[in-house]
Each structure stands twice: as C-alpha cells, then as structure tokens.
N, C-alpha and C. Protein backbone atom coordinates (compact mmCIF):
# COMPACT_ATOMS: atom_id res chain seq x y z
N MET A 1 -55.34 11.77 -73.74
CA MET A 1 -56.61 12.17 -73.32
C MET A 1 -56.45 13.25 -72.26
N LYS A 2 -57.18 14.30 -72.25
CA LYS A 2 -57.18 15.27 -71.17
C LYS A 2 -58.08 14.75 -69.97
N SER A 3 -57.58 14.95 -68.86
CA SER A 3 -58.32 14.57 -67.59
C SER A 3 -58.11 15.59 -66.61
N ASN A 4 -59.01 15.43 -65.53
CA ASN A 4 -58.92 16.39 -64.32
C ASN A 4 -59.38 15.71 -63.19
N SER A 5 -58.95 16.22 -62.03
CA SER A 5 -59.28 15.59 -60.73
C SER A 5 -59.09 16.63 -59.60
N THR A 6 -59.70 16.36 -58.51
CA THR A 6 -59.52 17.28 -57.26
C THR A 6 -58.35 16.54 -56.42
N ILE A 7 -57.90 15.41 -56.81
CA ILE A 7 -56.85 14.67 -56.18
C ILE A 7 -55.65 14.65 -57.11
N LYS A 8 -54.46 15.08 -56.64
CA LYS A 8 -53.32 15.07 -57.50
C LYS A 8 -52.99 13.60 -57.90
N PRO A 9 -52.97 13.32 -59.27
CA PRO A 9 -52.70 11.98 -59.70
C PRO A 9 -51.22 11.58 -59.62
N ALA A 10 -50.93 10.27 -59.35
CA ALA A 10 -49.59 9.87 -59.53
C ALA A 10 -49.20 9.76 -61.02
N SER A 11 -47.89 9.81 -61.28
CA SER A 11 -47.51 9.70 -62.65
C SER A 11 -47.95 8.39 -63.29
N SER A 12 -48.00 7.30 -62.54
CA SER A 12 -48.44 5.98 -63.16
C SER A 12 -49.37 5.36 -62.07
N GLU A 13 -50.43 4.72 -62.51
CA GLU A 13 -51.36 4.11 -61.74
C GLU A 13 -51.78 2.81 -62.38
N TYR A 14 -51.75 1.72 -61.58
CA TYR A 14 -52.28 0.39 -62.09
C TYR A 14 -53.78 0.48 -61.99
N ILE A 15 -54.45 0.13 -63.10
CA ILE A 15 -55.85 0.14 -63.14
C ILE A 15 -56.51 -1.28 -63.18
N GLY A 16 -55.74 -2.30 -63.22
CA GLY A 16 -56.24 -3.66 -63.28
C GLY A 16 -56.14 -4.27 -64.64
N ASN A 17 -56.31 -5.63 -64.72
CA ASN A 17 -56.19 -6.39 -65.94
C ASN A 17 -54.89 -6.07 -66.72
N GLY A 18 -53.86 -5.77 -66.09
CA GLY A 18 -52.58 -5.64 -66.78
C GLY A 18 -52.48 -4.29 -67.40
N LYS A 19 -53.44 -3.38 -67.12
CA LYS A 19 -53.37 -1.99 -67.68
C LYS A 19 -52.96 -0.98 -66.73
N TRP A 20 -52.34 0.07 -67.22
CA TRP A 20 -51.84 1.18 -66.48
C TRP A 20 -52.25 2.51 -67.05
N HIS A 21 -52.43 3.63 -66.17
CA HIS A 21 -52.49 4.92 -66.71
C HIS A 21 -51.22 5.53 -66.43
N TYR A 22 -50.79 6.33 -67.37
CA TYR A 22 -49.56 7.27 -67.13
C TYR A 22 -50.11 8.60 -67.27
N ASN A 23 -49.95 9.48 -66.27
CA ASN A 23 -50.42 10.87 -66.17
C ASN A 23 -49.21 11.82 -66.29
N TYR A 24 -49.30 12.80 -67.13
CA TYR A 24 -48.26 13.81 -67.28
C TYR A 24 -48.78 15.15 -67.61
N ASN A 25 -47.98 16.09 -67.68
CA ASN A 25 -48.32 17.59 -67.82
C ASN A 25 -49.40 17.96 -66.75
N ILE A 26 -49.07 17.53 -65.49
CA ILE A 26 -49.97 17.83 -64.44
C ILE A 26 -49.87 19.24 -64.01
N VAL A 27 -51.02 19.99 -64.06
CA VAL A 27 -51.07 21.37 -63.75
C VAL A 27 -52.12 21.62 -62.67
N GLU A 28 -51.63 22.25 -61.55
CA GLU A 28 -52.51 22.50 -60.43
C GLU A 28 -53.16 23.95 -60.61
N SER A 29 -54.41 24.00 -60.33
CA SER A 29 -55.20 25.31 -60.49
C SER A 29 -56.17 25.45 -59.35
N GLU A 30 -56.64 26.68 -59.10
CA GLU A 30 -57.59 26.99 -58.11
C GLU A 30 -58.87 27.50 -58.75
N LYS A 31 -60.01 27.00 -58.27
CA LYS A 31 -61.29 27.53 -58.81
C LYS A 31 -62.35 27.38 -57.67
N ASP A 32 -62.93 28.49 -57.32
CA ASP A 32 -63.98 28.58 -56.29
C ASP A 32 -63.43 27.99 -54.96
N GLY A 33 -62.19 28.37 -54.62
CA GLY A 33 -61.57 27.87 -53.37
C GLY A 33 -61.15 26.40 -53.32
N MET A 34 -61.31 25.73 -54.50
CA MET A 34 -60.89 24.31 -54.54
C MET A 34 -59.76 24.12 -55.41
N THR A 35 -58.94 23.07 -55.12
CA THR A 35 -57.70 22.81 -55.91
C THR A 35 -58.16 21.73 -57.00
N PHE A 36 -57.73 22.04 -58.22
CA PHE A 36 -57.96 21.05 -59.29
C PHE A 36 -56.63 20.69 -59.99
N TYR A 37 -56.53 19.52 -60.57
CA TYR A 37 -55.46 19.08 -61.32
C TYR A 37 -55.90 18.70 -62.67
N ASP A 38 -55.32 19.37 -63.72
CA ASP A 38 -55.58 19.09 -65.08
C ASP A 38 -54.28 18.34 -65.59
N TYR A 39 -54.55 17.36 -66.44
CA TYR A 39 -53.37 16.53 -66.91
C TYR A 39 -53.82 15.74 -68.19
N ASP A 40 -52.74 15.25 -68.77
CA ASP A 40 -52.88 14.32 -69.92
C ASP A 40 -52.70 12.94 -69.45
N GLN A 41 -53.34 12.02 -70.05
CA GLN A 41 -53.39 10.60 -69.57
C GLN A 41 -53.36 9.71 -70.75
N ILE A 42 -52.56 8.63 -70.65
CA ILE A 42 -52.55 7.65 -71.67
C ILE A 42 -52.72 6.35 -70.99
N GLU A 43 -53.41 5.35 -71.68
CA GLU A 43 -53.45 3.96 -71.13
C GLU A 43 -52.50 3.04 -71.76
N LEU A 44 -51.89 2.32 -70.90
CA LEU A 44 -50.81 1.36 -71.38
C LEU A 44 -51.36 -0.07 -71.13
N ARG A 45 -50.87 -1.05 -71.84
CA ARG A 45 -51.27 -2.41 -71.70
C ARG A 45 -50.10 -3.23 -71.02
N GLN A 46 -49.26 -2.46 -70.38
CA GLN A 46 -48.11 -3.05 -69.75
C GLN A 46 -47.62 -2.05 -68.69
N GLU A 47 -46.74 -2.53 -67.86
CA GLU A 47 -46.21 -1.63 -66.78
C GLU A 47 -45.45 -0.48 -67.52
N PRO A 48 -45.63 0.77 -66.98
CA PRO A 48 -44.99 1.88 -67.72
C PRO A 48 -43.50 1.89 -67.62
N THR A 49 -42.90 1.61 -68.75
CA THR A 49 -41.40 1.72 -68.78
C THR A 49 -41.07 2.99 -69.67
N TYR A 50 -39.93 3.43 -69.61
CA TYR A 50 -39.57 4.60 -70.36
C TYR A 50 -39.90 4.54 -71.87
N ALA A 51 -39.42 3.38 -72.48
CA ALA A 51 -39.73 3.20 -73.84
C ALA A 51 -41.18 3.12 -74.25
N ALA A 52 -41.91 2.33 -73.40
CA ALA A 52 -43.36 2.13 -73.66
C ALA A 52 -44.07 3.44 -73.47
N VAL A 53 -43.76 4.29 -72.48
CA VAL A 53 -44.49 5.49 -72.36
C VAL A 53 -44.18 6.48 -73.44
N VAL A 54 -42.90 6.69 -73.72
CA VAL A 54 -42.50 7.60 -74.77
C VAL A 54 -43.24 7.23 -76.03
N SER A 55 -43.15 5.96 -76.45
CA SER A 55 -43.84 5.55 -77.71
C SER A 55 -45.29 5.80 -77.69
N ALA A 56 -45.95 5.49 -76.56
CA ALA A 56 -47.45 5.67 -76.42
C ALA A 56 -47.83 7.13 -76.55
N ILE A 57 -47.10 7.99 -75.99
CA ILE A 57 -47.40 9.44 -76.10
C ILE A 57 -47.18 9.93 -77.49
N ILE A 58 -46.07 9.48 -78.10
CA ILE A 58 -45.88 9.92 -79.49
C ILE A 58 -47.01 9.43 -80.41
N ARG A 59 -47.45 8.20 -80.20
CA ARG A 59 -48.49 7.64 -81.02
C ARG A 59 -49.87 8.23 -80.73
N GLU A 60 -49.98 8.75 -79.58
CA GLU A 60 -51.24 9.47 -79.16
C GLU A 60 -51.43 10.78 -80.05
N ILE A 61 -50.26 11.34 -80.47
CA ILE A 61 -50.27 12.65 -81.18
C ILE A 61 -50.00 12.40 -82.60
N TYR A 62 -49.01 11.58 -83.00
CA TYR A 62 -48.62 11.36 -84.32
C TYR A 62 -48.78 9.86 -84.64
N SER A 63 -49.54 9.55 -85.66
CA SER A 63 -49.57 8.08 -86.09
C SER A 63 -48.22 7.73 -86.77
N GLU A 64 -48.00 6.52 -87.08
CA GLU A 64 -46.74 6.08 -87.77
C GLU A 64 -46.79 6.74 -89.17
N CYS A 65 -47.97 6.74 -89.81
CA CYS A 65 -48.06 7.40 -91.15
C CYS A 65 -47.76 8.89 -91.08
N ASP A 66 -48.19 9.52 -90.03
CA ASP A 66 -47.95 10.98 -89.91
C ASP A 66 -46.36 11.19 -89.76
N GLU A 67 -45.77 10.34 -88.92
CA GLU A 67 -44.28 10.53 -88.64
C GLU A 67 -43.59 10.27 -89.92
N MET A 68 -43.91 9.16 -90.67
CA MET A 68 -43.21 8.92 -91.98
C MET A 68 -43.45 10.05 -92.97
N ALA A 69 -44.59 10.64 -93.00
CA ALA A 69 -44.81 11.69 -93.89
C ALA A 69 -43.91 12.92 -93.60
N ILE A 70 -43.85 13.23 -92.27
CA ILE A 70 -42.95 14.31 -91.90
C ILE A 70 -41.48 14.05 -92.20
N VAL A 71 -41.01 12.81 -92.01
CA VAL A 71 -39.68 12.45 -92.32
C VAL A 71 -39.43 12.53 -93.82
N ASN A 72 -40.40 11.95 -94.56
CA ASN A 72 -40.23 11.88 -96.01
C ASN A 72 -40.29 13.29 -96.64
N LYS A 73 -41.05 14.24 -96.15
CA LYS A 73 -41.13 15.56 -96.63
C LYS A 73 -39.73 16.31 -96.38
N TYR A 74 -39.26 16.04 -95.20
CA TYR A 74 -37.95 16.64 -94.79
C TYR A 74 -36.81 16.09 -95.68
N ASN A 75 -36.75 14.80 -95.89
CA ASN A 75 -35.80 14.17 -96.75
C ASN A 75 -35.93 14.71 -98.17
N SER A 76 -37.13 14.86 -98.66
CA SER A 76 -37.35 15.33 -100.03
C SER A 76 -36.78 16.83 -100.19
N TYR A 77 -36.98 17.52 -99.15
CA TYR A 77 -36.39 18.97 -99.16
C TYR A 77 -34.92 18.93 -99.19
N THR A 78 -34.31 18.09 -98.18
CA THR A 78 -32.79 18.09 -98.03
C THR A 78 -32.13 17.58 -99.22
N LEU A 79 -32.95 16.69 -100.00
CA LEU A 79 -32.29 16.12 -101.26
C LEU A 79 -32.60 17.04 -102.46
N GLY A 80 -33.28 18.16 -102.28
CA GLY A 80 -33.54 19.06 -103.33
C GLY A 80 -34.73 18.64 -104.27
N LEU A 81 -35.51 17.79 -103.83
CA LEU A 81 -36.60 17.30 -104.60
C LEU A 81 -37.88 18.20 -104.54
N VAL A 82 -37.96 18.93 -103.40
CA VAL A 82 -39.03 19.94 -103.23
C VAL A 82 -38.37 21.16 -102.67
N THR A 83 -39.11 22.32 -102.83
CA THR A 83 -38.44 23.61 -102.33
C THR A 83 -39.25 24.19 -101.18
N ASP A 84 -40.24 23.52 -100.61
CA ASP A 84 -41.13 24.01 -99.62
C ASP A 84 -40.38 23.92 -98.29
N LYS A 85 -39.84 25.07 -97.74
CA LYS A 85 -39.09 25.12 -96.46
C LYS A 85 -39.98 24.74 -95.24
N SER A 86 -41.21 24.67 -95.42
CA SER A 86 -42.05 24.29 -94.20
C SER A 86 -41.81 22.85 -93.86
N CYS A 87 -41.25 22.06 -94.66
CA CYS A 87 -40.91 20.68 -94.47
C CYS A 87 -39.83 20.65 -93.26
N VAL A 88 -38.89 21.64 -93.29
CA VAL A 88 -37.90 21.66 -92.30
C VAL A 88 -38.50 22.03 -90.91
N GLU A 89 -39.44 22.99 -90.94
CA GLU A 89 -40.10 23.33 -89.70
C GLU A 89 -41.04 22.30 -89.17
N GLY A 90 -41.59 21.57 -89.96
CA GLY A 90 -42.44 20.40 -89.58
C GLY A 90 -41.63 19.40 -88.91
N TYR A 91 -40.46 19.10 -89.46
CA TYR A 91 -39.55 18.03 -88.87
C TYR A 91 -38.98 18.56 -87.57
N LYS A 92 -38.59 19.79 -87.49
CA LYS A 92 -38.05 20.36 -86.25
C LYS A 92 -39.10 20.38 -85.22
N GLU A 93 -40.33 20.72 -85.54
CA GLU A 93 -41.44 20.62 -84.55
C GLU A 93 -41.64 19.25 -84.01
N PHE A 94 -41.56 18.28 -84.90
CA PHE A 94 -41.73 16.91 -84.50
C PHE A 94 -40.64 16.49 -83.47
N LEU A 95 -39.40 16.79 -83.92
CA LEU A 95 -38.25 16.47 -83.11
C LEU A 95 -38.22 17.14 -81.74
N THR A 96 -38.65 18.33 -81.68
CA THR A 96 -38.75 19.10 -80.42
C THR A 96 -39.80 18.42 -79.46
N PHE A 97 -40.89 18.01 -80.11
CA PHE A 97 -41.99 17.37 -79.37
C PHE A 97 -41.36 16.05 -78.77
N VAL A 98 -40.79 15.30 -79.51
CA VAL A 98 -40.13 14.02 -79.04
C VAL A 98 -39.17 14.20 -77.91
N LEU A 99 -38.27 15.19 -78.10
CA LEU A 99 -37.34 15.58 -77.02
C LEU A 99 -37.98 16.05 -75.79
N ASN A 100 -39.07 16.77 -75.95
CA ASN A 100 -39.71 17.22 -74.66
C ASN A 100 -40.41 16.08 -74.02
N ILE A 101 -41.04 15.18 -74.75
CA ILE A 101 -41.65 14.06 -74.16
C ILE A 101 -40.71 13.15 -73.39
N LYS A 102 -39.56 12.95 -74.09
CA LYS A 102 -38.43 12.10 -73.48
C LYS A 102 -37.98 12.67 -72.20
N SER A 103 -37.88 13.99 -72.16
CA SER A 103 -37.39 14.68 -70.97
C SER A 103 -38.47 14.59 -69.82
N THR A 104 -39.70 14.72 -70.16
CA THR A 104 -40.83 14.66 -69.19
C THR A 104 -40.85 13.30 -68.61
N VAL A 105 -40.81 12.20 -69.50
CA VAL A 105 -41.00 10.84 -68.94
C VAL A 105 -39.68 10.48 -68.21
N LYS A 106 -38.54 10.92 -68.56
CA LYS A 106 -37.33 10.60 -67.82
C LYS A 106 -37.49 11.09 -66.42
N LYS A 107 -37.97 12.34 -66.16
CA LYS A 107 -38.13 12.95 -64.91
C LYS A 107 -39.19 12.13 -64.09
N ASP A 108 -40.23 11.77 -64.72
CA ASP A 108 -41.36 11.01 -64.08
C ASP A 108 -40.90 9.64 -63.60
N LEU A 109 -40.30 8.86 -64.46
CA LEU A 109 -39.95 7.48 -64.17
C LEU A 109 -38.57 7.40 -63.63
C-alpha cells in the first residue's frame, strides 16, 4: 500500500495486537516548503523478519497463482512446448523483482 507522511517513517513499526508495519521505498520530497515522505507499506501479523517481509512484499504484488503461472509459462517455453518468448521476459522480470526486494529488505533489517 502506498503511504505518505511529514515524518520520516522507521523501516518497521509495531502497531499493536501483534501486528507490525514494514515501510520501504521511502522517498523524501519537498512541496510548498514542507518535507514529505512517500513510501510503500505492508502489514505483518508477526515481528518483521527477513523471510516474513520478503514473502509479504512478493505476495502484495504477485499472488501464488500469478507466480506459478509465470514459472509454468517459462518452463513450457524452455521445454519447447510454446514458442512465445515473452515467457522468458516475464520470468526474468519476476526474478529481478524478487532479487531487488531481497536486497532492499536485507539493507533495512
């Protein structure tokens, strides 16, 4: 979920009832002489660990069905069952997204 604030958010914040917010992609900007922070935020039902955060961000963008479809299309192409090369680009895009998220979370936590 996209969020914004005039206060720079911490990468993780306990919000009560065993829930946490993890904030990432924090970008500072100026508007009308005020400083704003735009960022992405996910809610976790546990303390933010590397694995939990990475998984939650991936699922925020790609459902399990989406991920399986991307992998199955790629495998179908590599096995010669389909000839649509966009399957390779879709898989490469997904893997790049995952690697970028892992890198971001590793720096934050």
